[in-house]
Amino acid sequence: MKDNRYIKWILALTFCIVCFAVGFFFGHSGKWHSITISPKVHTEYTPVSESSVDYPSRSLPDTSKEASPGIVNINTADIDELKSLPGIGESLARQIIEYREEFGPFETVDELTKVSGIGKAKLDSLRDWITV
């Protein structure tokens, strides 16, 4: 008879725990939260004329020189052209030319970091201004 009483208490306790869990998870906010993902598909093709496209402008670094330099080919530039680049003085321009004369033309712009005095940061500031 005592075993029957324990079983009733265990069943009642289990029922209470299940009711609490169901109430907590499903009744906490008063409604189900569901996420609906619907892909937005553009079904109509509208041709765009070139004149209506707003192309981003290329912003060039600000230099303290009076005239802004153009794109400089580091394989053919003389000292004056190299000096027109932002952050390149006469000694660094000479080092670039000496490196070019000793090892041949640069194959890539990144190879400019092999010149003493030009690190990654300086190369990144020159990247928009130079070509090979």
C-alpha atoms as a PDB file:
ATOM      1  CA  MET A   1       0.000   0.000   0.000  1.00  0.00           C
ATOM      2  CA  LYS A   2       2.887   2.375   0.761  1.00  0.00           C
ATOM      3  CA  ASP A   3       4.366   1.713  -2.708  1.00  0.00           C
ATOM      4  CA  ASN A   4       1.112   2.852  -4.284  1.00  0.00           C
ATOM      5  CA  ARG A   5       1.236   6.151  -2.319  1.00  0.00           C
ATOM      6  CA  TYR A   6       4.810   6.873  -3.473  1.00  0.00           C
ATOM      7  CA  ILE A   7       3.902   6.208  -7.082  1.00  0.00           C
ATOM      8  CA  LYS A   8       1.015   8.693  -6.839  1.00  0.00           C
ATOM      9  CA  TRP A   9       3.333  11.358  -5.387  1.00  0.00           C
ATOM     10  CA  ILE A  10       5.956  10.748  -8.073  1.00  0.00           C
ATOM     11  CA  LEU A  11       3.329  10.957 -10.819  1.00  0.00           C
ATOM     12  CA  ALA A  12       1.865  14.153  -9.327  1.00  0.00           C
ATOM     13  CA  LEU A  13       5.333  15.734  -9.048  1.00  0.00           C
ATOM     14  CA  THR A  14       6.190  14.716 -12.618  1.00  0.00           C
ATOM     15  CA  PHE A  15       2.891  16.186 -13.843  1.00  0.00           C
ATOM     16  CA  CYS A  16       3.667  19.492 -12.070  1.00  0.00           C
ATOM     17  CA  ILE A  17       7.157  19.666 -13.590  1.00  0.00           C
ATOM     18  CA  VAL A  18       5.808  18.975 -17.086  1.00  0.00           C
ATOM     19  CA  CYS A  19       3.063  21.611 -16.670  1.00  0.00           C
ATOM     20  CA  PHE A  20       5.649  24.150 -15.445  1.00  0.00           C
ATOM     21  CA  ALA A  21       7.949  23.437 -18.397  1.00  0.00           C
ATOM     22  CA  VAL A  22       5.144  23.696 -20.937  1.00  0.00           C
ATOM     23  CA  GLY A  23       3.889  26.904 -19.366  1.00  0.00           C
ATOM     24  CA  PHE A  24       7.355  28.394 -19.176  1.00  0.00           C
ATOM     25  CA  PHE A  25       8.406  27.652 -22.738  1.00  0.00           C
ATOM     26  CA  PHE A  26       5.115  28.206 -24.543  1.00  0.00           C
ATOM     27  CA  GLY A  27       3.269  30.628 -22.312  1.00  0.00           C
ATOM     28  CA  HIS A  28       6.099  32.909 -21.234  1.00  0.00           C
ATOM     29  CA  SER A  29       5.455  35.619 -23.814  1.00  0.00           C
ATOM     30  CA  GLY A  30       1.869  34.788 -24.593  1.00  0.00           C
ATOM     31  CA  LYS A  31       2.501  33.807 -28.195  1.00  0.00           C
ATOM     32  CA  TRP A  32       4.782  31.704 -30.344  1.00  0.00           C
ATOM     33  CA  HIS A  33       7.788  33.423 -31.800  1.00  0.00           C
ATOM     34  CA  SER A  34       8.411  32.309 -35.311  1.00  0.00           C
ATOM     35  CA  ILE A  35      10.834  33.578 -37.887  1.00  0.00           C
ATOM     36  CA  THR A  36       9.653  33.832 -41.436  1.00  0.00           C
ATOM     37  CA  ILE A  37      12.281  34.186 -44.123  1.00  0.00           C
ATOM     38  CA  SER A  38      11.013  35.102 -47.520  1.00  0.00           C
ATOM     39  CA  PRO A  39      13.469  35.746 -50.301  1.00  0.00           C
ATOM     40  CA  LYS A  40      12.958  38.980 -52.148  1.00  0.00           C
ATOM     41  CA  VAL A  41      13.252  38.197 -55.817  1.00  0.00           C
ATOM     42  CA  HIS A  42      13.468  41.010 -58.322  1.00  0.00           C
ATOM     43  CA  THR A  43      11.325  39.778 -61.193  1.00  0.00           C
ATOM     44  CA  GLU A  44      11.286  42.854 -63.391  1.00  0.00           C
ATOM     45  CA  TYR A  45      14.294  43.913 -65.441  1.00  0.00           C
ATOM     46  CA  THR A  46      14.791  47.632 -65.802  1.00  0.00           C
ATOM     47  CA  PRO A  47      17.644  48.675 -68.097  1.00  0.00           C
ATOM     48  CA  VAL A  48      19.868  51.380 -66.683  1.00  0.00           C
ATOM     49  CA  SER A  49      21.515  53.949 -68.885  1.00  0.00           C
ATOM     50  CA  GLU A  50      25.157  54.786 -68.231  1.00  0.00           C
ATOM     51  CA  SER A  51      24.314  58.401 -67.545  1.00  0.00           C
ATOM     52  CA  SER A  52      22.057  57.464 -64.617  1.00  0.00           C
ATOM     53  CA  VAL A  53      24.692  55.359 -62.841  1.00  0.00           C
ATOM     54  CA  ASP A  54      26.451  57.166 -60.004  1.00  0.00           C
ATOM     55  CA  TYR A  55      30.019  55.925 -60.062  1.00  0.00           C
ATOM     56  CA  PRO A  56      32.020  56.497 -56.859  1.00  0.00           C
ATOM     57  CA  SER A  57      34.775  59.022 -57.276  1.00  0.00           C
ATOM     58  CA  ARG A  58      38.330  57.904 -56.628  1.00  0.00           C
ATOM     59  CA  SER A  59      39.716  59.901 -53.763  1.00  0.00           C
ATOM     60  CA  LEU A  60      43.413  60.538 -54.022  1.00  0.00           C
ATOM     61  CA  PRO A  61      45.578  61.110 -50.979  1.00  0.00           C
ATOM     62  CA  ASP A  62      46.086  64.706 -49.940  1.00  0.00           C
ATOM     63  CA  THR A  63      49.635  65.891 -50.527  1.00  0.00           C
ATOM     64  CA  SER A  64      51.459  68.964 -49.373  1.00  0.00           C
ATOM     65  CA  LYS A  65      52.962  69.498 -52.832  1.00  0.00           C
ATOM     66  CA  GLU A  66      51.621  72.319 -54.984  1.00  0.00           C
ATOM     67  CA  ALA A  67      50.766  70.186 -58.026  1.00  0.00           C
ATOM     68  CA  SER A  68      49.278  66.768 -57.522  1.00  0.00           C
ATOM     69  CA  PRO A  69      51.234  64.007 -59.273  1.00  0.00           C
ATOM     70  CA  GLY A  70      49.812  61.678 -61.871  1.00  0.00           C
ATOM     71  CA  ILE A  71      50.350  57.929 -62.055  1.00  0.00           C
ATOM     72  CA  VAL A  72      54.092  57.255 -62.050  1.00  0.00           C
ATOM     73  CA  ASN A  73      55.680  54.176 -63.609  1.00  0.00           C
ATOM     74  CA  ILE A  74      58.367  53.183 -61.102  1.00  0.00           C
ATOM     75  CA  ASN A  75      60.313  51.332 -63.805  1.00  0.00           C
ATOM     76  CA  THR A  76      60.779  54.352 -66.062  1.00  0.00           C
ATOM     77  CA  ALA A  77      60.485  57.368 -63.737  1.00  0.00           C
ATOM     78  CA  ASP A  78      63.400  59.734 -63.201  1.00  0.00           C
ATOM     79  CA  ILE A  79      64.265  61.388 -59.884  1.00  0.00           C
ATOM     80  CA  ASP A  80      61.912  64.334 -60.383  1.00  0.00           C
ATOM     81  CA  GLU A  81      58.939  62.085 -61.200  1.00  0.00           C
ATOM     82  CA  LEU A  82      59.630  59.907 -58.158  1.00  0.00           C
ATOM     83  CA  LYS A  83      60.000  62.982 -55.945  1.00  0.00           C
ATOM     84  CA  SER A  84      56.543  64.117 -57.058  1.00  0.00           C
ATOM     85  CA  LEU A  85      55.085  61.132 -55.186  1.00  0.00           C
ATOM     86  CA  PRO A  86      53.822  61.824 -51.657  1.00  0.00           C
ATOM     87  CA  GLY A  87      56.400  60.892 -49.030  1.00  0.00           C
ATOM     88  CA  ILE A  88      59.252  60.322 -51.502  1.00  0.00           C
ATOM     89  CA  GLY A  89      62.221  62.658 -51.140  1.00  0.00           C
ATOM     90  CA  GLU A  90      65.399  62.873 -53.158  1.00  0.00           C
ATOM     91  CA  SER A  91      67.319  60.202 -51.219  1.00  0.00           C
ATOM     92  CA  LEU A  92      64.457  57.688 -51.421  1.00  0.00           C
ATOM     93  CA  ALA A  93      64.017  58.430 -55.133  1.00  0.00           C
ATOM     94  CA  ARG A  94      67.731  57.723 -55.653  1.00  0.00           C
ATOM     95  CA  GLN A  95      67.428  54.435 -53.727  1.00  0.00           C
ATOM     96  CA  ILE A  96      64.536  53.358 -55.953  1.00  0.00           C
ATOM     97  CA  ILE A  97      66.552  54.100 -59.088  1.00  0.00           C
ATOM     98  CA  GLU A  98      69.650  52.348 -57.686  1.00  0.00           C
ATOM     99  CA  TYR A  99      67.615  49.267 -56.802  1.00  0.00           C
ATOM    100  CA  ARG A 100      66.075  49.275 -60.294  1.00  0.00           C
ATOM    101  CA  GLU A 101      69.504  49.560 -61.939  1.00  0.00           C
ATOM    102  CA  GLU A 102      70.975  46.782 -59.785  1.00  0.00           C
ATOM    103  CA  PHE A 103      68.135  44.233 -59.880  1.00  0.00           C
ATOM    104  CA  GLY A 104      66.255  45.198 -63.040  1.00  0.00           C
ATOM    105  CA  PRO A 105      62.734  46.541 -63.437  1.00  0.00           C
ATOM    106  CA  PHE A 106      60.112  45.926 -60.772  1.00  0.00           C
ATOM    107  CA  GLU A 107      57.778  43.086 -61.696  1.00  0.00           C
ATOM    108  CA  THR A 108      55.037  44.185 -59.291  1.00  0.00           C
ATOM    109  CA  VAL A 109      54.296  47.270 -57.241  1.00  0.00           C
ATOM    110  CA  ASP A 110      54.690  45.166 -54.066  1.00  0.00           C
ATOM    111  CA  GLU A 111      58.354  44.594 -54.942  1.00  0.00           C
ATOM    112  CA  LEU A 112      58.953  48.246 -54.032  1.00  0.00           C
ATOM    113  CA  THR A 113      59.098  47.167 -50.355  1.00  0.00           C
ATOM    114  CA  LYS A 114      62.512  45.643 -51.088  1.00  0.00           C
ATOM    115  CA  VAL A 115      63.903  49.182 -51.340  1.00  0.00           C
ATOM    116  CA  SER A 116      65.341  50.321 -48.019  1.00  0.00           C
ATOM    117  CA  GLY A 117      63.049  52.926 -46.450  1.00  0.00           C
ATOM    118  CA  ILE A 118      59.826  51.713 -48.044  1.00  0.00           C
ATOM    119  CA  GLY A 119      57.683  49.578 -45.795  1.00  0.00           C
ATOM    120  CA  LYS A 120      54.163  48.235 -46.130  1.00  0.00           C
ATOM    121  CA  ALA A 121      52.561  51.433 -44.789  1.00  0.00           C
ATOM    122  CA  LYS A 122      54.438  53.684 -47.235  1.00  0.00           C
ATOM    123  CA  LEU A 123      53.662  51.302 -50.094  1.00  0.00           C
ATOM    124  CA  ASP A 124      49.954  51.396 -49.192  1.00  0.00           C
ATOM    125  CA  SER A 125      50.029  55.208 -49.262  1.00  0.00           C
ATOM    126  CA  LEU A 126      51.705  55.126 -52.705  1.00  0.00           C
ATOM    127  CA  ARG A 127      49.626  52.326 -54.239  1.00  0.00           C
ATOM    128  CA  ASP A 128      47.132  54.677 -55.957  1.00  0.00           C
ATOM    129  CA  TRP A 129      49.946  56.750 -57.435  1.00  0.00           C
ATOM    130  CA  ILE A 130      52.309  54.139 -58.923  1.00  0.00           C
ATOM    131  CA  THR A 131      52.345  51.451 -61.563  1.00  0.00           C
ATOM    132  CA  VAL A 132      54.869  49.112 -63.204  1.00  0.00           C
END
